[in-house]
Amino acid sequence: MVTTVFHMARQCTRQGCVHRASVTLTYQYARSLVWLDDLSAERDPHAYDLCEQHAGRLKPPSGWHLEDRRQRVHVYDAGRLAG
């Protein structure tokens, strides 16, 4: 028996956006907090998946705090590092 598993990329949840999601947004209403994390391994019905563009433009409501907890990975081009 052969089993094939397809991994579909998740799309940004913003209406009309066609970009691939790379960030997961969660929030806690009682504490007025919004978190941006790297895309979660699985879709969570209580979270929002966003593309880089929408995550970068996100502004929390007045009085709320935004915590960006994404891991930053810097990739350098070896040619640009050489003197």
Protein backbone atom coordinates (compact mmCIF):
# COMPACT_ATOMS: atom_id res chain seq x y z
CA MET A 1 0.00 0.00 0.00
CA VAL A 2 1.41 3.40 -1.02
CA THR A 3 0.42 6.50 0.87
CA THR A 4 1.05 9.92 -0.59
CA VAL A 5 0.99 12.99 1.61
CA PHE A 6 0.73 16.42 0.06
CA HIS A 7 1.87 19.43 2.05
CA MET A 8 -0.03 22.48 0.92
CA ALA A 9 1.36 25.89 1.70
CA ARG A 10 -0.99 27.99 3.76
CA GLN A 11 -2.20 31.26 2.32
CA CYS A 12 -2.47 34.63 4.07
CA THR A 13 -5.85 34.96 5.77
CA ARG A 14 -6.30 38.60 4.75
CA GLN A 15 -9.18 38.80 2.31
CA GLY A 16 -8.01 39.02 -1.30
CA CYS A 17 -4.35 38.29 -0.52
CA VAL A 18 -2.75 35.60 -2.67
CA HIS A 19 0.61 35.44 -0.89
CA ARG A 20 1.94 32.50 1.11
CA ALA A 21 1.61 32.78 4.89
CA SER A 22 4.84 32.99 6.87
CA VAL A 23 3.67 34.47 10.19
CA THR A 24 1.10 33.39 12.77
CA LEU A 25 -0.78 36.08 14.68
CA THR A 26 -2.34 35.31 18.04
CA TYR A 27 -3.77 37.59 20.67
CA GLN A 28 -5.07 37.69 24.22
CA TYR A 29 -7.98 40.09 24.52
CA ALA A 30 -7.93 40.29 28.34
CA ARG A 31 -4.29 41.46 28.37
CA SER A 32 -4.51 43.61 25.20
CA LEU A 33 -1.58 41.71 23.67
CA VAL A 34 -0.86 40.66 20.08
CA TRP A 35 1.92 38.23 19.19
CA LEU A 36 3.61 37.60 15.86
CA ASP A 37 5.41 34.26 15.64
CA ASP A 38 7.00 32.22 12.88
CA LEU A 39 4.34 30.25 11.03
CA SER A 40 3.01 27.51 13.29
CA ALA A 41 3.44 23.91 12.21
CA GLU A 42 -0.31 23.38 11.97
CA ARG A 43 -3.24 25.64 11.30
CA ASP A 44 -4.93 26.86 14.50
CA PRO A 45 -8.55 28.01 14.24
CA HIS A 46 -7.85 30.61 16.96
CA ALA A 47 -4.91 32.20 15.12
CA TYR A 48 -4.40 34.08 11.88
CA ASP A 49 -1.79 33.21 9.25
CA LEU A 50 -0.31 36.26 7.54
CA CYS A 51 2.14 36.93 4.73
CA GLU A 52 5.27 39.04 5.38
CA GLN A 53 3.69 42.15 3.87
CA HIS A 54 0.60 42.10 6.08
CA ALA A 55 2.57 41.16 9.19
CA GLY A 56 4.95 44.05 8.55
CA ARG A 57 2.13 46.56 8.26
CA LEU A 58 0.20 45.31 11.27
CA LYS A 59 -0.77 47.98 13.79
CA PRO A 60 -2.48 46.78 16.99
CA PRO A 61 -5.51 48.66 18.32
CA SER A 62 -4.87 51.73 20.45
CA GLY A 63 -3.78 50.68 23.93
CA TRP A 64 -2.67 47.20 22.82
CA HIS A 65 0.91 45.95 22.75
CA LEU A 66 2.51 44.05 19.89
CA GLU A 67 5.27 41.51 20.57
CA ASP A 68 7.17 40.30 17.51
CA ARG A 69 8.59 36.94 18.58
CA ARG A 70 9.73 35.76 15.15
CA GLN A 71 13.20 34.32 14.77
CA ARG A 72 15.33 36.50 12.54
CA VAL A 73 17.61 34.64 10.16
CA HIS A 74 20.11 36.70 8.20
CA VAL A 75 21.47 35.20 5.01
CA TYR A 76 24.58 36.86 3.62
CA ASP A 77 25.84 36.57 0.07
CA ALA A 78 29.46 35.43 0.21
CA GLY A 79 30.31 37.71 -2.72
CA ARG A 80 29.14 40.76 -0.81
CA LEU A 81 31.25 39.89 2.24
CA ALA A 82 34.50 39.64 0.30
CA GLY A 83 36.53 42.85 0.28
